Amino acid sequence: MQTIQASEAKTHFLRILDEVERGKTVTVTRRGKTVARIVPVTPSDEERREQIAQAMASILEIRKRTKPLSVEEILAARDEGRRF
Protein backbone atom coordinates (compact mmCIF):
# COMPACT_ATOMS: atom_id res chain seq x y z
CA MET A 1 0.00 0.00 0.00
CA GLN A 2 1.35 3.38 -1.00
CA THR A 3 0.90 6.53 1.10
CA ILE A 4 0.89 9.94 -0.55
CA GLN A 5 0.25 13.49 0.70
CA ALA A 6 -2.89 15.24 -0.51
CA SER A 7 -0.95 17.96 -2.33
CA GLU A 8 1.07 15.35 -4.24
CA ALA A 9 -2.09 13.33 -4.95
CA LYS A 10 -3.67 16.40 -6.51
CA THR A 11 -0.64 16.89 -8.77
CA HIS A 12 -0.29 13.21 -9.79
CA PHE A 13 -3.90 12.06 -9.69
CA LEU A 14 -3.90 10.34 -13.11
CA ARG A 15 -0.74 8.38 -12.25
CA ILE A 16 -2.35 7.32 -8.97
CA LEU A 17 -5.45 6.13 -10.83
CA ASP A 18 -3.23 4.07 -13.15
CA GLU A 19 -1.67 2.37 -10.12
CA VAL A 20 -5.05 1.71 -8.52
CA GLU A 21 -6.30 0.28 -11.80
CA ARG A 22 -3.39 -2.18 -11.65
CA GLY A 23 -4.58 -3.34 -8.23
CA LYS A 24 -2.67 -1.14 -5.77
CA THR A 25 -4.27 0.69 -2.85
CA VAL A 26 -3.19 4.29 -2.22
CA THR A 27 -3.66 6.09 1.09
CA VAL A 28 -3.93 9.90 0.98
CA THR A 29 -2.78 11.90 4.00
CA ARG A 30 -3.09 15.52 5.06
CA ARG A 31 -0.72 16.79 7.75
CA GLY A 32 0.22 13.21 8.59
CA LYS A 33 -3.34 11.95 9.12
CA THR A 34 -5.10 9.56 6.78
CA VAL A 35 -7.98 11.29 5.01
CA ALA A 36 -8.76 8.88 2.16
CA ARG A 37 -7.96 5.50 0.73
CA ILE A 38 -8.24 4.85 -3.01
CA VAL A 39 -8.87 1.17 -3.71
CA PRO A 40 -9.55 -0.81 -6.90
CA VAL A 41 -13.19 -1.46 -7.67
CA THR A 42 -14.22 -5.09 -7.42
CA PRO A 43 -16.92 -6.34 -9.75
CA SER A 44 -20.39 -6.51 -8.24
CA ASP A 45 -22.24 -9.80 -7.93
CA GLU A 46 -24.38 -8.82 -10.92
CA GLU A 47 -21.30 -8.11 -13.07
CA ARG A 48 -19.78 -11.46 -12.04
CA ARG A 49 -22.99 -13.28 -12.93
CA GLU A 50 -22.98 -11.60 -16.34
CA GLN A 51 -19.34 -12.59 -16.94
CA ILE A 52 -20.09 -16.20 -15.98
CA ALA A 53 -23.17 -16.26 -18.22
CA GLN A 54 -21.11 -15.00 -21.17
CA ALA A 55 -18.41 -17.60 -20.53
CA MET A 56 -20.99 -20.39 -20.34
CA ALA A 57 -22.62 -19.21 -23.57
CA SER A 58 -19.21 -19.32 -25.27
CA ILE A 59 -18.54 -22.83 -23.99
CA LEU A 60 -21.96 -24.04 -25.15
CA GLU A 61 -21.41 -22.49 -28.58
CA ILE A 62 -18.07 -24.30 -28.93
CA ARG A 63 -19.66 -27.57 -27.83
CA LYS A 64 -22.32 -27.20 -30.54
CA ARG A 65 -19.62 -26.89 -33.20
CA THR A 66 -17.58 -29.93 -32.15
CA LYS A 67 -18.46 -33.59 -32.44
CA PRO A 68 -19.16 -35.48 -29.21
CA LEU A 69 -16.35 -37.56 -27.73
CA SER A 70 -16.70 -41.31 -27.49
CA VAL A 71 -16.24 -43.12 -24.18
CA GLU A 72 -12.91 -44.46 -25.44
CA GLU A 73 -11.67 -40.93 -26.25
CA ILE A 74 -12.69 -39.66 -22.82
CA LEU A 75 -10.93 -42.57 -21.08
CA ALA A 76 -7.83 -42.12 -23.23
CA ALA A 77 -7.68 -38.41 -22.38
CA ARG A 78 -8.12 -39.20 -18.69
CA ASP A 79 -5.35 -41.83 -18.71
CA GLU A 80 -2.94 -39.87 -20.90
CA GLY A 81 0.39 -39.48 -19.16
CA ARG A 82 -0.41 -41.94 -16.37
CA ARG A 83 2.06 -44.67 -15.50
CA PHE A 84 0.62 -48.03 -14.63
C-alpha atoms as a PDB file:
ATOM      1  CA  MET A   1       0.000   0.000   0.000  1.00  0.00           C
ATOM      2  CA  GLN A   2       1.352   3.384  -1.001  1.00  0.00           C
ATOM      3  CA  THR A   3       0.898   6.526   1.097  1.00  0.00           C
ATOM      4  CA  ILE A   4       0.889   9.941  -0.547  1.00  0.00           C
ATOM      5  CA  GLN A   5       0.253  13.491   0.699  1.00  0.00           C
ATOM      6  CA  ALA A   6      -2.891  15.237  -0.510  1.00  0.00           C
ATOM      7  CA  SER A   7      -0.952  17.962  -2.334  1.00  0.00           C
ATOM      8  CA  GLU A   8       1.068  15.351  -4.236  1.00  0.00           C
ATOM      9  CA  ALA A   9      -2.093  13.329  -4.946  1.00  0.00           C
ATOM     10  CA  LYS A  10      -3.665  16.399  -6.511  1.00  0.00           C
ATOM     11  CA  THR A  11      -0.640  16.889  -8.768  1.00  0.00           C
ATOM     12  CA  HIS A  12      -0.288  13.211  -9.790  1.00  0.00           C
ATOM     13  CA  PHE A  13      -3.899  12.058  -9.689  1.00  0.00           C
ATOM     14  CA  LEU A  14      -3.898  10.340 -13.109  1.00  0.00           C
ATOM     15  CA  ARG A  15      -0.735   8.382 -12.248  1.00  0.00           C
ATOM     16  CA  ILE A  16      -2.350   7.323  -8.973  1.00  0.00           C
ATOM     17  CA  LEU A  17      -5.450   6.131 -10.834  1.00  0.00           C
ATOM     18  CA  ASP A  18      -3.229   4.069 -13.147  1.00  0.00           C
ATOM     19  CA  GLU A  19      -1.667   2.370 -10.119  1.00  0.00           C
ATOM     20  CA  VAL A  20      -5.050   1.713  -8.521  1.00  0.00           C
ATOM     21  CA  GLU A  21      -6.304   0.284 -11.798  1.00  0.00           C
ATOM     22  CA  ARG A  22      -3.388  -2.179 -11.648  1.00  0.00           C
ATOM     23  CA  GLY A  23      -4.584  -3.343  -8.227  1.00  0.00           C
ATOM     24  CA  LYS A  24      -2.670  -1.137  -5.774  1.00  0.00           C
ATOM     25  CA  THR A  25      -4.265   0.688  -2.851  1.00  0.00           C
ATOM     26  CA  VAL A  26      -3.194   4.292  -2.220  1.00  0.00           C
ATOM     27  CA  THR A  27      -3.657   6.095   1.091  1.00  0.00           C
ATOM     28  CA  VAL A  28      -3.928   9.897   0.977  1.00  0.00           C
ATOM     29  CA  THR A  29      -2.784  11.895   3.996  1.00  0.00           C
ATOM     30  CA  ARG A  30      -3.085  15.520   5.056  1.00  0.00           C
ATOM     31  CA  ARG A  31      -0.719  16.794   7.748  1.00  0.00           C
ATOM     32  CA  GLY A  32       0.221  13.206   8.589  1.00  0.00           C
ATOM     33  CA  LYS A  33      -3.343  11.954   9.119  1.00  0.00           C
ATOM     34  CA  THR A  34      -5.099   9.556   6.775  1.00  0.00           C
ATOM     35  CA  VAL A  35      -7.985  11.292   5.009  1.00  0.00           C
ATOM     36  CA  ALA A  36      -8.760   8.880   2.162  1.00  0.00           C
ATOM     37  CA  ARG A  37      -7.962   5.496   0.732  1.00  0.00           C
ATOM     38  CA  ILE A  38      -8.242   4.854  -3.011  1.00  0.00           C
ATOM     39  CA  VAL A  39      -8.872   1.171  -3.714  1.00  0.00           C
ATOM     40  CA  PRO A  40      -9.549  -0.808  -6.898  1.00  0.00           C
ATOM     41  CA  VAL A  41     -13.193  -1.462  -7.670  1.00  0.00           C
ATOM     42  CA  THR A  42     -14.218  -5.087  -7.419  1.00  0.00           C
ATOM     43  CA  PRO A  43     -16.916  -6.344  -9.755  1.00  0.00           C
ATOM     44  CA  SER A  44     -20.392  -6.507  -8.235  1.00  0.00           C
ATOM     45  CA  ASP A  45     -22.239  -9.801  -7.931  1.00  0.00           C
ATOM     46  CA  GLU A  46     -24.376  -8.823 -10.920  1.00  0.00           C
ATOM     47  CA  GLU A  47     -21.305  -8.111 -13.070  1.00  0.00           C
ATOM     48  CA  ARG A  48     -19.778 -11.464 -12.042  1.00  0.00           C
ATOM     49  CA  ARG A  49     -22.995 -13.279 -12.934  1.00  0.00           C
ATOM     50  CA  GLU A  50     -22.984 -11.596 -16.344  1.00  0.00           C
ATOM     51  CA  GLN A  51     -19.339 -12.585 -16.942  1.00  0.00           C
ATOM     52  CA  ILE A  52     -20.094 -16.196 -15.982  1.00  0.00           C
ATOM     53  CA  ALA A  53     -23.168 -16.265 -18.219  1.00  0.00           C
ATOM     54  CA  GLN A  54     -21.115 -15.001 -21.169  1.00  0.00           C
ATOM     55  CA  ALA A  55     -18.411 -17.598 -20.531  1.00  0.00           C
ATOM     56  CA  MET A  56     -20.986 -20.390 -20.338  1.00  0.00           C
ATOM     57  CA  ALA A  57     -22.616 -19.206 -23.568  1.00  0.00           C
ATOM     58  CA  SER A  58     -19.214 -19.317 -25.271  1.00  0.00           C
ATOM     59  CA  ILE A  59     -18.543 -22.828 -23.992  1.00  0.00           C
ATOM     60  CA  LEU A  60     -21.964 -24.040 -25.145  1.00  0.00           C
ATOM     61  CA  GLU A  61     -21.409 -22.493 -28.580  1.00  0.00           C
ATOM     62  CA  ILE A  62     -18.067 -24.298 -28.926  1.00  0.00           C
ATOM     63  CA  ARG A  63     -19.662 -27.575 -27.834  1.00  0.00           C
ATOM     64  CA  LYS A  64     -22.317 -27.196 -30.541  1.00  0.00           C
ATOM     65  CA  ARG A  65     -19.620 -26.887 -33.200  1.00  0.00           C
ATOM     66  CA  THR A  66     -17.580 -29.925 -32.147  1.00  0.00           C
ATOM     67  CA  LYS A  67     -18.457 -33.586 -32.441  1.00  0.00           C
ATOM     68  CA  PRO A  68     -19.164 -35.483 -29.212  1.00  0.00           C
ATOM     69  CA  LEU A  69     -16.354 -37.565 -27.735  1.00  0.00           C
ATOM     70  CA  SER A  70     -16.697 -41.314 -27.491  1.00  0.00           C
ATOM     71  CA  VAL A  71     -16.236 -43.117 -24.178  1.00  0.00           C
ATOM     72  CA  GLU A  72     -12.914 -44.456 -25.441  1.00  0.00           C
ATOM     73  CA  GLU A  73     -11.665 -40.935 -26.255  1.00  0.00           C
ATOM     74  CA  ILE A  74     -12.690 -39.665 -22.824  1.00  0.00           C
ATOM     75  CA  LEU A  75     -10.928 -42.566 -21.078  1.00  0.00           C
ATOM     76  CA  ALA A  76      -7.829 -42.122 -23.226  1.00  0.00           C
ATOM     77  CA  ALA A  77      -7.682 -38.409 -22.378  1.00  0.00           C
ATOM     78  CA  ARG A  78      -8.125 -39.203 -18.691  1.00  0.00           C
ATOM     79  CA  ASP A  79      -5.354 -41.826 -18.712  1.00  0.00           C
ATOM     80  CA  GLU A  80      -2.938 -39.870 -20.896  1.00  0.00           C
ATOM     81  CA  GLY A  81       0.386 -39.484 -19.155  1.00  0.00           C
ATOM     82  CA  ARG A  82      -0.407 -41.938 -16.369  1.00  0.00           C
ATOM     83  CA  ARG A  83       2.058 -44.667 -15.500  1.00  0.00           C
ATOM     84  CA  PHE A  84       0.618 -48.033 -14.627  1.00  0.00           C
END
